[in-house]
Amino acid sequence: MTFHEYAQLVAAVSGALLGILALGGRLVYKPLKKSLEVFIDQRLRPIEDTLLELKPNGGSSVADRIVRLEERQSGIGQRLDDVYDLVKVIAAKE
């Protein structure tokens, strides 16, 4: 075989390999990419929903509920302090 024939053979094999790679990219890469996107989206959606619950939104988030509980607890503490002060006043009169 001459150099020219070897060059033609290398060019033909290289072209065939590039064609196979291009076709494989369409047949393998795109569906694989799509399925990975769906898989990642399914895994991240619950995390995103949980993170949204941690941000105040005007009433229904976990953060808003915690704020309401803290306010209620503070109010109960204030009422207990008032009752204690009243008991001290009554005890001092006796």
Protein backbone atom coordinates (compact mmCIF):
# COMPACT_ATOMS: atom_id res chain seq x y z
CA MET A 1 0.00 0.00 0.00
CA THR A 2 1.16 3.43 -0.77
CA PHE A 3 1.08 6.46 1.45
CA HIS A 4 -1.88 7.82 -0.48
CA GLU A 5 -3.88 4.63 0.12
CA TYR A 6 -3.02 4.71 3.87
CA ALA A 7 -4.16 8.34 4.04
CA GLN A 8 -7.45 7.41 2.36
CA LEU A 9 -7.94 4.51 4.78
CA VAL A 10 -7.23 6.73 7.81
CA ALA A 11 -9.60 9.38 6.49
CA ALA A 12 -12.34 6.81 5.90
CA VAL A 13 -11.96 5.25 9.37
CA SER A 14 -11.82 8.69 11.02
CA GLY A 15 -14.96 9.80 9.16
CA ALA A 16 -16.76 6.63 10.16
CA LEU A 17 -15.77 7.06 13.81
CA LEU A 18 -16.87 10.69 13.84
CA GLY A 19 -20.18 9.71 12.27
CA ILE A 20 -20.71 7.03 14.88
CA LEU A 21 -19.86 9.47 17.66
CA ALA A 22 -22.23 12.08 16.27
CA LEU A 23 -25.04 9.58 15.94
CA GLY A 24 -24.28 8.18 19.38
CA GLY A 25 -24.43 11.67 20.79
CA ARG A 26 -27.94 12.09 19.48
CA LEU A 27 -29.13 8.65 20.43
CA VAL A 28 -27.42 8.38 23.81
CA TYR A 29 -26.46 11.80 25.11
CA LYS A 30 -29.75 13.66 24.63
CA PRO A 31 -32.00 10.99 26.21
CA LEU A 32 -29.49 10.49 29.01
CA LYS A 33 -29.34 14.24 29.63
CA LYS A 34 -33.14 14.47 29.68
CA SER A 35 -33.53 11.56 32.10
CA LEU A 36 -30.86 13.05 34.39
CA GLU A 37 -32.65 16.41 34.36
CA VAL A 38 -35.92 14.72 35.32
CA PHE A 39 -34.19 12.69 38.04
CA ILE A 40 -32.47 15.75 39.52
CA ASP A 41 -35.69 17.78 39.34
CA GLN A 42 -37.56 15.05 41.21
CA ARG A 43 -34.89 15.00 43.92
CA LEU A 44 -34.58 18.78 44.27
CA ARG A 45 -38.29 19.68 44.26
CA PRO A 46 -38.94 18.42 47.85
CA ILE A 47 -35.85 20.29 49.06
CA GLU A 48 -37.03 23.49 47.38
CA ASP A 49 -40.50 23.07 48.90
CA THR A 50 -38.97 22.60 52.35
CA LEU A 51 -36.81 25.70 51.94
CA LEU A 52 -39.88 27.71 50.94
CA GLU A 53 -41.56 26.63 54.19
CA LEU A 54 -38.70 28.18 56.14
CA LYS A 55 -39.27 31.65 54.66
CA PRO A 56 -42.04 33.84 56.08
CA ASN A 57 -44.90 34.24 53.62
CA GLY A 58 -47.57 35.99 55.63
CA GLY A 59 -49.12 33.19 57.63
CA SER A 60 -48.84 29.59 56.54
CA SER A 61 -45.11 28.89 56.55
CA VAL A 62 -43.24 27.17 59.36
CA ALA A 63 -41.37 30.41 60.05
CA ASP A 64 -44.66 32.29 60.57
CA ARG A 65 -45.95 29.56 62.89
CA ILE A 66 -42.79 29.75 64.99
CA VAL A 67 -43.15 33.52 65.28
CA ARG A 68 -46.76 33.10 66.45
CA LEU A 69 -45.72 30.48 69.02
CA GLU A 70 -42.98 32.76 70.35
CA GLU A 71 -45.42 35.65 70.65
CA ARG A 72 -47.94 33.44 72.44
CA GLN A 73 -45.25 32.15 74.80
CA SER A 74 -44.15 35.69 75.56
CA GLY A 75 -47.75 36.67 76.35
CA ILE A 76 -48.16 33.70 78.70
CA GLY A 77 -44.90 34.62 80.44
CA GLN A 78 -46.13 38.19 80.93
CA ARG A 79 -49.42 36.95 82.41
CA LEU A 80 -47.53 34.68 84.82
CA ASP A 81 -45.40 37.64 85.90
CA ASP A 82 -48.58 39.66 86.54
CA VAL A 83 -50.06 36.82 88.62
CA TYR A 84 -46.82 36.55 90.61
CA ASP A 85 -46.85 40.30 91.28
CA LEU A 86 -50.49 40.08 92.41
CA VAL A 87 -49.68 37.21 94.78
CA LYS A 88 -46.81 39.24 96.24
CA VAL A 89 -49.13 42.20 96.84
CA ILE A 90 -51.72 39.99 98.53
CA ALA A 91 -49.08 38.27 100.64
CA ALA A 92 -47.67 41.65 101.72
CA LYS A 93 -51.12 42.82 102.95
CA GLU A 94 -51.49 39.84 105.24
